[in-house]
Amino acid sequence: MGLSFLTARLGEYKSVFLYLGISIVLELVFWLVPSFVVSAVAVALLGVFLGPLFPTSIVLATKLLPRDLHVGSIGFATAFGGSGGAILPFLVGVIAQRRGVESLQPMIVAILIIIGLLWVCIPIVGRKQDIAIHKAAGESFTKTEEA
Protein backbone atom coordinates (compact mmCIF):
# COMPACT_ATOMS: atom_id res chain seq x y z
CA MET A 1 0.00 0.00 0.00
CA GLY A 2 2.81 2.39 0.81
CA LEU A 3 4.52 1.91 -2.53
CA SER A 4 1.45 3.14 -4.41
CA PHE A 5 2.48 6.72 -3.66
CA LEU A 6 5.97 6.12 -5.02
CA THR A 7 4.54 4.35 -8.07
CA ALA A 8 2.25 7.31 -8.80
CA ARG A 9 5.17 9.73 -8.45
CA LEU A 10 7.66 7.78 -10.58
CA GLY A 11 5.23 6.35 -13.10
CA GLU A 12 4.43 2.72 -13.69
CA TYR A 13 7.26 1.95 -16.07
CA LYS A 14 10.11 3.32 -13.93
CA SER A 15 8.68 2.03 -10.66
CA VAL A 16 8.50 -1.56 -11.93
CA PHE A 17 12.18 -1.44 -12.89
CA LEU A 18 13.01 0.00 -9.47
CA TYR A 19 11.00 -2.70 -7.69
CA LEU A 20 12.52 -5.45 -9.84
CA GLY A 21 16.05 -4.15 -9.20
CA ILE A 22 15.44 -4.02 -5.46
CA SER A 23 13.87 -7.48 -5.60
CA ILE A 24 16.90 -8.94 -7.36
CA VAL A 25 19.23 -7.40 -4.77
CA LEU A 26 17.07 -8.72 -1.92
CA GLU A 27 16.94 -12.17 -3.48
CA LEU A 28 20.74 -12.16 -3.80
CA VAL A 29 21.03 -11.12 -0.14
CA PHE A 30 18.66 -13.93 0.85
CA TRP A 31 20.64 -16.41 -1.22
CA LEU A 32 24.20 -15.38 -0.37
CA VAL A 33 24.13 -14.09 3.23
CA PRO A 34 24.16 -17.01 5.70
CA SER A 35 22.21 -15.29 8.47
CA PHE A 36 18.70 -16.23 9.52
CA VAL A 37 17.77 -12.70 10.59
CA VAL A 38 19.11 -11.11 7.41
CA SER A 39 17.34 -13.73 5.31
CA ALA A 40 14.04 -13.19 7.13
CA VAL A 41 14.21 -9.42 6.61
CA ALA A 42 15.23 -9.87 2.96
CA VAL A 43 12.30 -12.21 2.26
CA ALA A 44 9.83 -9.89 3.99
CA LEU A 45 11.06 -6.91 1.97
CA LEU A 46 11.07 -9.05 -1.17
CA GLY A 47 7.35 -9.58 -0.72
CA VAL A 48 6.84 -5.84 -0.25
CA PHE A 49 8.56 -5.00 -3.53
CA LEU A 50 7.06 -7.85 -5.57
CA GLY A 51 3.52 -7.06 -4.41
CA PRO A 52 2.90 -4.00 -6.62
CA LEU A 53 4.09 -5.60 -9.87
CA PHE A 54 0.79 -7.14 -10.97
CA PRO A 55 -1.48 -4.18 -10.07
CA THR A 56 0.97 -1.80 -11.70
CA SER A 57 0.94 -3.82 -14.91
CA ILE A 58 -2.86 -3.75 -14.92
CA VAL A 59 -2.84 0.04 -14.51
CA LEU A 60 -0.37 0.37 -17.37
CA ALA A 61 -2.51 -1.92 -19.54
CA THR A 62 -5.47 0.42 -19.07
CA LYS A 63 -3.30 3.30 -20.22
CA LEU A 64 -1.97 1.49 -23.28
CA LEU A 65 -5.11 -0.19 -24.56
CA PRO A 66 -8.29 1.39 -25.89
CA ARG A 67 -11.21 1.45 -23.47
CA ASP A 68 -13.21 -1.16 -25.39
CA LEU A 69 -10.40 -3.72 -24.92
CA HIS A 70 -9.99 -3.23 -21.16
CA VAL A 71 -12.33 -5.97 -19.94
CA GLY A 72 -11.19 -8.69 -22.31
CA SER A 73 -7.49 -7.95 -22.16
CA ILE A 74 -7.33 -7.50 -18.39
CA GLY A 75 -9.45 -10.63 -17.92
CA PHE A 76 -7.08 -12.56 -20.17
CA ALA A 77 -4.02 -11.15 -18.37
CA THR A 78 -5.48 -12.09 -14.99
CA ALA A 79 -6.30 -15.63 -16.14
CA PHE A 80 -2.88 -16.01 -17.77
CA GLY A 81 -1.20 -14.67 -14.62
CA GLY A 82 -3.17 -17.09 -12.46
CA SER A 83 -2.10 -19.96 -14.69
CA GLY A 84 1.51 -18.85 -14.41
CA GLY A 85 1.05 -18.61 -10.66
CA ALA A 86 0.11 -22.28 -10.66
CA ILE A 87 2.37 -23.73 -13.34
CA LEU A 88 5.63 -21.90 -12.64
CA PRO A 89 5.90 -22.95 -8.96
CA PHE A 90 5.13 -26.52 -9.99
CA LEU A 91 7.94 -26.48 -12.57
CA VAL A 92 10.35 -24.88 -10.13
CA GLY A 93 9.43 -27.56 -7.58
CA VAL A 94 10.08 -30.35 -10.09
CA ILE A 95 13.47 -28.88 -10.95
CA ALA A 96 14.31 -28.41 -7.26
CA GLN A 97 13.34 -32.01 -6.54
CA ARG A 98 15.68 -33.29 -9.23
CA ARG A 99 18.58 -30.86 -8.74
CA GLY A 100 18.21 -30.03 -5.06
CA VAL A 101 16.90 -27.11 -3.05
CA GLU A 102 20.04 -25.07 -3.77
CA SER A 103 18.76 -24.59 -7.34
CA LEU A 104 15.78 -22.51 -6.16
CA GLN A 105 17.57 -19.22 -5.62
CA PRO A 106 19.26 -19.04 -9.06
CA MET A 107 15.89 -19.84 -10.66
CA ILE A 108 14.18 -17.03 -8.78
CA VAL A 109 16.88 -14.55 -9.82
CA ALA A 110 16.51 -15.76 -13.42
CA ILE A 111 12.72 -15.34 -13.27
CA LEU A 112 13.10 -11.77 -11.97
CA ILE A 113 15.55 -10.97 -14.77
CA ILE A 114 13.16 -12.44 -17.36
CA ILE A 115 10.34 -10.30 -15.97
CA GLY A 116 12.59 -7.26 -16.39
CA LEU A 117 13.43 -8.21 -19.97
CA LEU A 118 9.75 -8.68 -20.77
CA TRP A 119 8.96 -5.32 -19.19
CA VAL A 120 11.43 -3.66 -21.60
CA CYS A 121 9.11 -4.74 -24.44
CA ILE A 122 6.24 -2.62 -23.07
CA PRO A 123 6.01 0.89 -24.56
CA ILE A 124 6.64 3.80 -22.22
CA VAL A 125 3.57 5.94 -21.58
CA GLY A 126 4.02 9.27 -19.86
CA ARG A 127 1.32 11.40 -18.23
CA LYS A 128 1.08 13.79 -21.19
CA GLN A 129 0.84 10.90 -23.65
CA ASP A 130 -1.82 9.33 -21.45
CA ILE A 131 -3.92 12.50 -21.53
CA ALA A 132 -3.46 12.81 -25.30
CA ILE A 133 -4.61 9.23 -25.80
CA HIS A 134 -7.72 9.74 -23.71
CA LYS A 135 -8.49 13.10 -25.31
CA ALA A 136 -8.26 11.47 -28.73
CA ALA A 137 -10.80 8.92 -27.50
CA GLY A 138 -13.19 11.78 -26.72
CA GLU A 139 -12.80 11.85 -22.94
CA SER A 140 -12.69 15.17 -21.11
CA PHE A 141 -10.16 16.22 -18.49
CA THR A 142 -10.12 19.08 -16.02
CA LYS A 143 -7.18 21.45 -15.72
CA THR A 144 -5.92 19.70 -12.57
CA GLU A 145 -5.80 16.34 -14.36
CA GLU A 146 -3.79 17.87 -17.20
CA ALA A 147 -1.17 19.37 -14.89
C-alpha atoms as a PDB file:
ATOM      1  CA  MET A   1       0.000   0.000   0.000  1.00  0.00           C
ATOM      2  CA  GLY A   2       2.811   2.392   0.812  1.00  0.00           C
ATOM      3  CA  LEU A   3       4.523   1.911  -2.535  1.00  0.00           C
ATOM      4  CA  SER A   4       1.453   3.144  -4.412  1.00  0.00           C
ATOM      5  CA  PHE A   5       2.480   6.724  -3.657  1.00  0.00           C
ATOM      6  CA  LEU A   6       5.968   6.117  -5.015  1.00  0.00           C
ATOM      7  CA  THR A   7       4.540   4.353  -8.070  1.00  0.00           C
ATOM      8  CA  ALA A   8       2.254   7.305  -8.799  1.00  0.00           C
ATOM      9  CA  ARG A   9       5.167   9.727  -8.454  1.00  0.00           C
ATOM     10  CA  LEU A  10       7.665   7.777 -10.582  1.00  0.00           C
ATOM     11  CA  GLY A  11       5.232   6.352 -13.100  1.00  0.00           C
ATOM     12  CA  GLU A  12       4.428   2.722 -13.689  1.00  0.00           C
ATOM     13  CA  TYR A  13       7.265   1.951 -16.068  1.00  0.00           C
ATOM     14  CA  LYS A  14      10.106   3.320 -13.926  1.00  0.00           C
ATOM     15  CA  SER A  15       8.684   2.028 -10.661  1.00  0.00           C
ATOM     16  CA  VAL A  16       8.501  -1.556 -11.925  1.00  0.00           C
ATOM     17  CA  PHE A  17      12.180  -1.437 -12.888  1.00  0.00           C
ATOM     18  CA  LEU A  18      13.007   0.003  -9.473  1.00  0.00           C
ATOM     19  CA  TYR A  19      11.003  -2.700  -7.694  1.00  0.00           C
ATOM     20  CA  LEU A  20      12.519  -5.449  -9.839  1.00  0.00           C
ATOM     21  CA  GLY A  21      16.046  -4.151  -9.195  1.00  0.00           C
ATOM     22  CA  ILE A  22      15.444  -4.022  -5.457  1.00  0.00           C
ATOM     23  CA  SER A  23      13.866  -7.485  -5.596  1.00  0.00           C
ATOM     24  CA  ILE A  24      16.896  -8.936  -7.364  1.00  0.00           C
ATOM     25  CA  VAL A  25      19.231  -7.401  -4.765  1.00  0.00           C
ATOM     26  CA  LEU A  26      17.069  -8.720  -1.917  1.00  0.00           C
ATOM     27  CA  GLU A  27      16.942 -12.174  -3.484  1.00  0.00           C
ATOM     28  CA  LEU A  28      20.741 -12.164  -3.796  1.00  0.00           C
ATOM     29  CA  VAL A  29      21.033 -11.120  -0.138  1.00  0.00           C
ATOM     30  CA  PHE A  30      18.657 -13.929   0.852  1.00  0.00           C
ATOM     31  CA  TRP A  31      20.638 -16.410  -1.218  1.00  0.00           C
ATOM     32  CA  LEU A  32      24.203 -15.384  -0.367  1.00  0.00           C
ATOM     33  CA  VAL A  33      24.128 -14.095   3.232  1.00  0.00           C
ATOM     34  CA  PRO A  34      24.159 -17.011   5.698  1.00  0.00           C
ATOM     35  CA  SER A  35      22.215 -15.291   8.469  1.00  0.00           C
ATOM     36  CA  PHE A  36      18.701 -16.233   9.522  1.00  0.00           C
ATOM     37  CA  VAL A  37      17.769 -12.700  10.594  1.00  0.00           C
ATOM     38  CA  VAL A  38      19.113 -11.107   7.411  1.00  0.00           C
ATOM     39  CA  SER A  39      17.340 -13.729   5.308  1.00  0.00           C
ATOM     40  CA  ALA A  40      14.045 -13.185   7.132  1.00  0.00           C
ATOM     41  CA  VAL A  41      14.211  -9.422   6.611  1.00  0.00           C
ATOM     42  CA  ALA A  42      15.230  -9.866   2.961  1.00  0.00           C
ATOM     43  CA  VAL A  43      12.300 -12.211   2.263  1.00  0.00           C
ATOM     44  CA  ALA A  44       9.832  -9.888   3.988  1.00  0.00           C
ATOM     45  CA  LEU A  45      11.058  -6.912   1.970  1.00  0.00           C
ATOM     46  CA  LEU A  46      11.070  -9.048  -1.166  1.00  0.00           C
ATOM     47  CA  GLY A  47       7.348  -9.578  -0.717  1.00  0.00           C
ATOM     48  CA  VAL A  48       6.838  -5.838  -0.246  1.00  0.00           C
ATOM     49  CA  PHE A  49       8.559  -5.000  -3.529  1.00  0.00           C
ATOM     50  CA  LEU A  50       7.059  -7.848  -5.569  1.00  0.00           C
ATOM     51  CA  GLY A  51       3.524  -7.057  -4.409  1.00  0.00           C
ATOM     52  CA  PRO A  52       2.901  -4.001  -6.623  1.00  0.00           C
ATOM     53  CA  LEU A  53       4.089  -5.597  -9.873  1.00  0.00           C
ATOM     54  CA  PHE A  54       0.787  -7.140 -10.971  1.00  0.00           C
ATOM     55  CA  PRO A  55      -1.477  -4.180 -10.067  1.00  0.00           C
ATOM     56  CA  THR A  56       0.973  -1.797 -11.699  1.00  0.00           C
ATOM     57  CA  SER A  57       0.944  -3.817 -14.907  1.00  0.00           C
ATOM     58  CA  ILE A  58      -2.864  -3.745 -14.923  1.00  0.00           C
ATOM     59  CA  VAL A  59      -2.838   0.042 -14.509  1.00  0.00           C
ATOM     60  CA  LEU A  60      -0.367   0.372 -17.369  1.00  0.00           C
ATOM     61  CA  ALA A  61      -2.507  -1.917 -19.537  1.00  0.00           C
ATOM     62  CA  THR A  62      -5.466   0.417 -19.071  1.00  0.00           C
ATOM     63  CA  LYS A  63      -3.301   3.298 -20.223  1.00  0.00           C
ATOM     64  CA  LEU A  64      -1.968   1.493 -23.277  1.00  0.00           C
ATOM     65  CA  LEU A  65      -5.114  -0.191 -24.557  1.00  0.00           C
ATOM     66  CA  PRO A  66      -8.291   1.390 -25.890  1.00  0.00           C
ATOM     67  CA  ARG A  67     -11.206   1.454 -23.467  1.00  0.00           C
ATOM     68  CA  ASP A  68     -13.208  -1.163 -25.387  1.00  0.00           C
ATOM     69  CA  LEU A  69     -10.403  -3.721 -24.920  1.00  0.00           C
ATOM     70  CA  HIS A  70      -9.988  -3.233 -21.158  1.00  0.00           C
ATOM     71  CA  VAL A  71     -12.334  -5.966 -19.935  1.00  0.00           C
ATOM     72  CA  GLY A  72     -11.191  -8.690 -22.313  1.00  0.00           C
ATOM     73  CA  SER A  73      -7.493  -7.952 -22.157  1.00  0.00           C
ATOM     74  CA  ILE A  74      -7.334  -7.501 -18.385  1.00  0.00           C
ATOM     75  CA  GLY A  75      -9.445 -10.633 -17.924  1.00  0.00           C
ATOM     76  CA  PHE A  76      -7.078 -12.564 -20.173  1.00  0.00           C
ATOM     77  CA  ALA A  77      -4.023 -11.151 -18.372  1.00  0.00           C
ATOM     78  CA  THR A  78      -5.480 -12.087 -14.994  1.00  0.00           C
ATOM     79  CA  ALA A  79      -6.301 -15.627 -16.141  1.00  0.00           C
ATOM     80  CA  PHE A  80      -2.882 -16.010 -17.765  1.00  0.00           C
ATOM     81  CA  GLY A  81      -1.202 -14.667 -14.617  1.00  0.00           C
ATOM     82  CA  GLY A  82      -3.171 -17.089 -12.462  1.00  0.00           C
ATOM     83  CA  SER A  83      -2.098 -19.956 -14.691  1.00  0.00           C
ATOM     84  CA  GLY A  84       1.508 -18.847 -14.410  1.00  0.00           C
ATOM     85  CA  GLY A  85       1.055 -18.609 -10.656  1.00  0.00           C
ATOM     86  CA  ALA A  86       0.112 -22.282 -10.659  1.00  0.00           C
ATOM     87  CA  ILE A  87       2.369 -23.728 -13.341  1.00  0.00           C
ATOM     88  CA  LEU A  88       5.635 -21.904 -12.641  1.00  0.00           C
ATOM     89  CA  PRO A  89       5.902 -22.946  -8.956  1.00  0.00           C
ATOM     90  CA  PHE A  90       5.133 -26.524  -9.993  1.00  0.00           C
ATOM     91  CA  LEU A  91       7.939 -26.483 -12.573  1.00  0.00           C
ATOM     92  CA  VAL A  92      10.353 -24.878 -10.126  1.00  0.00           C
ATOM     93  CA  GLY A  93       9.430 -27.562  -7.583  1.00  0.00           C
ATOM     94  CA  VAL A  94      10.075 -30.346 -10.093  1.00  0.00           C
ATOM     95  CA  ILE A  95      13.468 -28.877 -10.953  1.00  0.00           C
ATOM     96  CA  ALA A  96      14.306 -28.406  -7.258  1.00  0.00           C
ATOM     97  CA  GLN A  97      13.337 -32.007  -6.539  1.00  0.00           C
ATOM     98  CA  ARG A  98      15.680 -33.286  -9.235  1.00  0.00           C
ATOM     99  CA  ARG A  99      18.579 -30.862  -8.741  1.00  0.00           C
ATOM    100  CA  GLY A 100      18.211 -30.033  -5.057  1.00  0.00           C
ATOM    101  CA  VAL A 101      16.902 -27.111  -3.055  1.00  0.00           C
ATOM    102  CA  GLU A 102      20.036 -25.066  -3.772  1.00  0.00           C
ATOM    103  CA  SER A 103      18.763 -24.592  -7.336  1.00  0.00           C
ATOM    104  CA  LEU A 104      15.780 -22.511  -6.163  1.00  0.00           C
ATOM    105  CA  GLN A 105      17.575 -19.218  -5.621  1.00  0.00           C
ATOM    106  CA  PRO A 106      19.258 -19.038  -9.055  1.00  0.00           C
ATOM    107  CA  MET A 107      15.893 -19.840 -10.665  1.00  0.00           C
ATOM    108  CA  ILE A 108      14.179 -17.028  -8.778  1.00  0.00           C
ATOM    109  CA  VAL A 109      16.884 -14.555  -9.823  1.00  0.00           C
ATOM    110  CA  ALA A 110      16.511 -15.759 -13.423  1.00  0.00           C
ATOM    111  CA  ILE A 111      12.723 -15.336 -13.275  1.00  0.00           C
ATOM    112  CA  LEU A 112      13.100 -11.772 -11.967  1.00  0.00           C
ATOM    113  CA  ILE A 113      15.549 -10.966 -14.770  1.00  0.00           C
ATOM    114  CA  ILE A 114      13.165 -12.443 -17.356  1.00  0.00           C
ATOM    115  CA  ILE A 115      10.344 -10.297 -15.967  1.00  0.00           C
ATOM    116  CA  GLY A 116      12.590  -7.255 -16.391  1.00  0.00           C
ATOM    117  CA  LEU A 117      13.432  -8.208 -19.966  1.00  0.00           C
ATOM    118  CA  LEU A 118       9.747  -8.681 -20.770  1.00  0.00           C
ATOM    119  CA  TRP A 119       8.958  -5.320 -19.186  1.00  0.00           C
ATOM    120  CA  VAL A 120      11.426  -3.661 -21.598  1.00  0.00           C
ATOM    121  CA  CYS A 121       9.108  -4.735 -24.443  1.00  0.00           C
ATOM    122  CA  ILE A 122       6.241  -2.619 -23.075  1.00  0.00           C
ATOM    123  CA  PRO A 123       6.013   0.894 -24.562  1.00  0.00           C
ATOM    124  CA  ILE A 124       6.638   3.801 -22.222  1.00  0.00           C
ATOM    125  CA  VAL A 125       3.569   5.937 -21.579  1.00  0.00           C
ATOM    126  CA  GLY A 126       4.017   9.270 -19.863  1.00  0.00           C
ATOM    127  CA  ARG A 127       1.320  11.396 -18.234  1.00  0.00           C
ATOM    128  CA  LYS A 128       1.083  13.791 -21.195  1.00  0.00           C
ATOM    129  CA  GLN A 129       0.844  10.896 -23.651  1.00  0.00           C
ATOM    130  CA  ASP A 130      -1.819   9.329 -21.448  1.00  0.00           C
ATOM    131  CA  ILE A 131      -3.922  12.503 -21.528  1.00  0.00           C
ATOM    132  CA  ALA A 132      -3.456  12.813 -25.297  1.00  0.00           C
ATOM    133  CA  ILE A 133      -4.613   9.229 -25.804  1.00  0.00           C
ATOM    134  CA  HIS A 134      -7.720   9.742 -23.708  1.00  0.00           C
ATOM    135  CA  LYS A 135      -8.490  13.100 -25.312  1.00  0.00           C
ATOM    136  CA  ALA A 136      -8.257  11.470 -28.726  1.00  0.00           C
ATOM    137  CA  ALA A 137     -10.800   8.919 -27.496  1.00  0.00           C
ATOM    138  CA  GLY A 138     -13.189  11.780 -26.716  1.00  0.00           C
ATOM    139  CA  GLU A 139     -12.802  11.853 -22.936  1.00  0.00           C
ATOM    140  CA  SER A 140     -12.691  15.172 -21.105  1.00  0.00           C
ATOM    141  CA  PHE A 141     -10.164  16.224 -18.488  1.00  0.00           C
ATOM    142  CA  THR A 142     -10.121  19.078 -16.020  1.00  0.00           C
ATOM    143  CA  LYS A 143      -7.182  21.454 -15.724  1.00  0.00           C
ATOM    144  CA  THR A 144      -5.921  19.696 -12.568  1.00  0.00           C
ATOM    145  CA  GLU A 145      -5.797  16.345 -14.360  1.00  0.00           C
ATOM    146  CA  GLU A 146      -3.794  17.875 -17.198  1.00  0.00           C
ATOM    147  CA  ALA A 147      -1.168  19.374 -14.892  1.00  0.00           C
END
